[in-house]
């Protein structure tokens, strides 16, 4: 039974790591899009 618990814990941990990586990548993409959008909107000052 301990082996089954260990395996379940490892699978759960792997899923959480994948979810964390996905959230991190998504957050980075949103930040990059916001930075790009703010750059594009600005008109060059004279």
PDB file of N, CA and C in Angstrom:
ATOM      1  N   UNK A   1       0.831  -1.190   0.000  1.00  0.00           N
ATOM      2  CA  UNK A   1       0.000   0.000   0.000  1.00  0.00           C
ATOM      3  C   UNK A   1       0.876   1.253   0.000  1.00  0.00           C
ATOM      4  N   UNK A   2       2.028   1.181   0.619  1.00  0.00           N
ATOM      5  CA  UNK A   2       2.931   2.325   0.662  1.00  0.00           C
ATOM      6  C   UNK A   2       3.426   2.675  -0.741  1.00  0.00           C
ATOM      7  N   UNK A   3       3.677   1.623  -1.553  1.00  0.00           N
ATOM      8  CA  UNK A   3       4.121   1.882  -2.926  1.00  0.00           C
ATOM      9  C   UNK A   3       3.043   2.611  -3.719  1.00  0.00           C
ATOM     10  N   UNK A   4       1.795   2.230  -3.522  1.00  0.00           N
ATOM     11  CA  UNK A   4       0.693   2.899  -4.231  1.00  0.00           C
ATOM     12  C   UNK A   4       0.587   4.357  -3.788  1.00  0.00           C
ATOM     13  N   UNK A   5       0.760   4.617  -2.491  1.00  0.00           N
ATOM     14  CA  UNK A   5       0.713   5.984  -1.980  1.00  0.00           C
ATOM     15  C   UNK A   5       1.850   6.816  -2.558  1.00  0.00           C
ATOM     16  N   UNK A   6       3.042   6.209  -2.605  1.00  0.00           N
ATOM     17  CA  UNK A   6       4.199   6.925  -3.155  1.00  0.00           C
ATOM     18  C   UNK A   6       3.969   7.253  -4.630  1.00  0.00           C
ATOM     19  N   UNK A   7       3.437   6.311  -5.367  1.00  0.00           N
ATOM     20  CA  UNK A   7       3.188   6.516  -6.791  1.00  0.00           C
ATOM     21  C   UNK A   7       2.140   7.608  -6.995  1.00  0.00           C
ATOM     22  N   UNK A   8       1.096   7.596  -6.180  1.00  0.00           N
ATOM     23  CA  UNK A   8       0.046   8.606  -6.274  1.00  0.00           C
ATOM     24  C   UNK A   8       0.616   9.986  -5.941  1.00  0.00           C
ATOM     25  N   UNK A   9       1.468  10.042  -4.926  1.00  0.00           N
ATOM     26  CA  UNK A   9       2.091  11.321  -4.569  1.00  0.00           C
ATOM     27  C   UNK A   9       2.992  11.840  -5.683  1.00  0.00           C
ATOM     28  N   UNK A  10       3.743  10.941  -6.320  1.00  0.00           N
ATOM     29  CA  UNK A  10       4.622  11.343  -7.416  1.00  0.00           C
ATOM     30  C   UNK A  10       3.806  11.860  -8.605  1.00  0.00           C
ATOM     31  N   UNK A  11       2.708  11.177  -8.914  1.00  0.00           N
ATOM     32  CA  UNK A  11       1.862  11.611 -10.028  1.00  0.00           C
ATOM     33  C   UNK A  11       1.239  12.970  -9.718  1.00  0.00           C
ATOM     34  N   UNK A  12       0.806  13.146  -8.486  1.00  0.00           N
ATOM     35  CA  UNK A  12       0.207  14.427  -8.083  1.00  0.00           C
ATOM     36  C   UNK A  12       1.240  15.543  -8.174  1.00  0.00           C
ATOM     37  N   UNK A  13       2.435  15.265  -7.707  1.00  0.00           N
ATOM     38  CA  UNK A  13       3.508  16.262  -7.756  1.00  0.00           C
ATOM     39  C   UNK A  13       3.839  16.625  -9.204  1.00  0.00           C
ATOM     40  N   UNK A  14       3.890  15.628 -10.081  1.00  0.00           N
ATOM     41  CA  UNK A  14       4.187  15.881 -11.488  1.00  0.00           C
ATOM     42  C   UNK A  14       3.114  16.758 -12.121  1.00  0.00           C
ATOM     43  N   UNK A  15       1.858  16.491 -11.790  1.00  0.00           N
ATOM     44  CA  UNK A  15       0.763  17.314 -12.320  1.00  0.00           C
ATOM     45  C   UNK A  15       0.864  18.750 -11.815  1.00  0.00           C
ATOM     46  N   UNK A  16       1.188  18.915 -10.543  1.00  0.00           N
ATOM     47  CA  UNK A  16       1.308  20.261  -9.977  1.00  0.00           C
ATOM     48  C   UNK A  16       2.478  21.019 -10.605  1.00  0.00           C
ATOM     49  N   UNK A  17       3.583  20.323 -10.861  1.00  0.00           N
ATOM     50  CA  UNK A  17       4.732  20.968 -11.494  1.00  0.00           C
ATOM     51  C   UNK A  17       4.360  21.409 -12.905  1.00  0.00           C
ATOM     52  N   UNK A  18       3.680  20.541 -13.645  1.00  0.00           N
ATOM     53  CA  UNK A  18       3.251  20.903 -15.002  1.00  0.00           C
ATOM     54  C   UNK A  18       2.305  22.097 -14.974  1.00  0.00           C
ATOM     55  N   UNK A  19       1.393  22.111 -14.019  1.00  0.00           N
ATOM     56  CA  UNK A  19       0.456  23.229 -13.909  1.00  0.00           C
ATOM     57  C   UNK A  19       1.207  24.508 -13.560  1.00  0.00           C
ATOM     58  N   UNK A  20       2.159  24.421 -12.674  1.00  0.00           N
ATOM     59  CA  UNK A  20       2.953  25.590 -12.310  1.00  0.00           C
ATOM     60  C   UNK A  20       3.748  26.137 -13.476  1.00  0.00           C
ATOM     61  N   UNK A  21       4.335  25.243 -14.259  1.00  0.00           N
ATOM     62  CA  UNK A  21       5.087  25.672 -15.442  1.00  0.00           C
ATOM     63  C   UNK A  21       4.156  26.341 -16.435  1.00  0.00           C
ATOM     64  N   UNK A  22       2.975  25.767 -16.630  1.00  0.00           N
ATOM     65  CA  UNK A  22       2.008  26.347 -17.569  1.00  0.00           C
ATOM     66  C   UNK A  22       1.581  27.741 -17.119  1.00  0.00           C
ATOM     67  N   UNK A  23       1.339  27.907 -15.834  1.00  0.00           N
ATOM     68  CA  UNK A  23       0.948  29.223 -15.308  1.00  0.00           C
ATOM     69  C   UNK A  23       2.089  30.218 -15.493  1.00  0.00           C
ATOM     70  N   UNK A  24       3.296  29.785 -15.237  1.00  0.00           N
ATOM     71  CA  UNK A  24       4.454  30.666 -15.397  1.00  0.00           C
ATOM     72  C   UNK A  24       4.633  31.121 -16.832  1.00  0.00           C
ATOM     73  N   UNK A  25       4.504  30.195 -17.774  1.00  0.00           N
ATOM     74  CA  UNK A  25       4.645  30.535 -19.191  1.00  0.00           C
ATOM     75  C   UNK A  25       3.517  31.468 -19.617  1.00  0.00           C
ATOM     76  N   UNK A  26       2.313  31.176 -19.155  1.00  0.00           N
ATOM     77  CA  UNK A  26       1.172  32.025 -19.500  1.00  0.00           C
ATOM     78  C   UNK A  26       1.343  33.428 -18.954  1.00  0.00           C
ATOM     79  N   UNK A  27       1.825  33.528 -17.733  1.00  0.00           N
ATOM     80  CA  UNK A  27       2.049  34.845 -17.126  1.00  0.00           C
ATOM     81  C   UNK A  27       3.113  35.619 -17.902  1.00  0.00           C
ATOM     82  N   UNK A  28       4.177  34.942 -18.284  1.00  0.00           N
ATOM     83  CA  UNK A  28       5.238  35.597 -19.049  1.00  0.00           C
ATOM     84  C   UNK A  28       4.713  36.078 -20.398  1.00  0.00           C
ATOM     85  N   UNK A  29       3.861  35.286 -21.017  1.00  0.00           N
ATOM     86  CA  UNK A  29       3.284  35.677 -22.308  1.00  0.00           C
ATOM     87  C   UNK A  29       2.395  36.905 -22.154  1.00  0.00           C
ATOM     88  N   UNK A  30       1.621  36.949 -21.087  1.00  0.00           N
ATOM     89  CA  UNK A  30       0.749  38.106 -20.850  1.00  0.00           C
ATOM     90  C   UNK A  30       1.582  39.360 -20.607  1.00  0.00           C
ATOM     91  N   UNK A  31       2.624  39.239 -19.800  1.00  0.00           N
ATOM     92  CA  UNK A  31       3.486  40.391 -19.525  1.00  0.00           C
ATOM     93  C   UNK A  31       4.148  40.876 -20.810  1.00  0.00           C
ATOM     94  N   UNK A  32       4.637  39.941 -21.622  1.00  0.00           N
ATOM     95  CA  UNK A  32       5.272  40.323 -22.884  1.00  0.00           C
ATOM     96  C   UNK A  32       4.281  41.023 -23.802  1.00  0.00           C
ATOM     97  N   UNK A  33       3.051  40.518 -23.864  1.00  0.00           N
ATOM     98  CA  UNK A  33       2.032  41.139 -24.717  1.00  0.00           C
ATOM     99  C   UNK A  33       1.701  42.543 -24.221  1.00  0.00           C
ATOM    100  N   UNK A  34       1.610  42.730 -22.924  1.00  0.00           N
ATOM    101  CA  UNK A  34       1.316  44.057 -22.373  1.00  0.00           C
ATOM    102  C   UNK A  34       2.459  45.035 -22.643  1.00  0.00           C
ATOM    103  N   UNK A  35       3.676  44.573 -22.482  1.00  0.00           N
ATOM    104  CA  UNK A  35       4.822  45.444 -22.757  1.00  0.00           C
ATOM    105  C   UNK A  35       4.869  45.828 -24.226  1.00  0.00           C
ATOM    106  N   UNK A  36       4.618  44.858 -25.100  1.00  0.00           N
ATOM    107  CA  UNK A  36       4.618  45.128 -26.542  1.00  0.00           C
ATOM    108  C   UNK A  36       3.509  46.102 -26.893  1.00  0.00           C
ATOM    109  N   UNK A  37       2.335  45.914 -26.324  1.00  0.00           N
ATOM    110  CA  UNK A  37       1.200  46.783 -26.627  1.00  0.00           C
ATOM    111  C   UNK A  37       1.477  48.207 -26.147  1.00  0.00           C
ATOM    112  N   UNK A  38       2.098  48.362 -24.996  1.00  0.00           N
ATOM    113  CA  UNK A  38       2.379  49.708 -24.496  1.00  0.00           C
ATOM    114  C   UNK A  38       3.455  50.384 -25.350  1.00  0.00           C
ATOM    115  N   UNK A  39       4.360  49.614 -25.913  1.00  0.00           N
ATOM    116  CA  UNK A  39       5.394  50.167 -26.778  1.00  0.00           C
ATOM    117  C   UNK A  39       4.803  50.637 -28.104  1.00  0.00           C
ATOM    118  N   UNK A  40       3.910  49.851 -28.650  1.00  0.00           N
ATOM    119  CA  UNK A  40       3.322  50.149 -29.949  1.00  0.00           C
ATOM    120  C   UNK A  40       2.421  51.373 -29.868  1.00  0.00           C
ATOM    121  N   UNK A  41       1.711  51.534 -28.766  1.00  0.00           N
ATOM    122  CA  UNK A  41       0.755  52.640 -28.630  1.00  0.00           C
ATOM    123  C   UNK A  41       1.423  54.009 -28.581  1.00  0.00           C
ATOM    124  N   UNK A  42       2.615  54.065 -27.974  1.00  0.00           N
ATOM    125  CA  UNK A  42       3.282  55.347 -27.782  1.00  0.00           C
ATOM    126  C   UNK A  42       3.714  55.928 -29.124  1.00  0.00           C
ATOM    127  N   UNK A  43       3.420  57.212 -29.311  1.00  0.00           N
ATOM    128  CA  UNK A  43       3.869  57.901 -30.517  1.00  0.00           C
ATOM    129  C   UNK A  43       5.226  58.527 -30.199  1.00  0.00           C
ATOM    130  N   UNK A  44       6.095  58.558 -31.186  1.00  0.00           N
ATOM    131  CA  UNK A  44       7.415  59.146 -30.921  1.00  0.00           C
ATOM    132  C   UNK A  44       7.291  60.636 -30.583  1.00  0.00           C
ATOM    133  N   UNK A  45       7.970  61.053 -29.540  1.00  0.00           N
ATOM    134  CA  UNK A  45       7.906  62.463 -29.145  1.00  0.00           C
ATOM    135  C   UNK A  45       8.880  63.275 -29.990  1.00  0.00           C
ATOM    136  N   UNK A  46       8.501  64.506 -30.248  1.00  0.00           N
ATOM    137  CA  UNK A  46       9.356  65.360 -31.091  1.00  0.00           C
ATOM    138  C   UNK A  46      10.001  66.451 -30.283  1.00  0.00           C
TER     139      UNK A  46
END
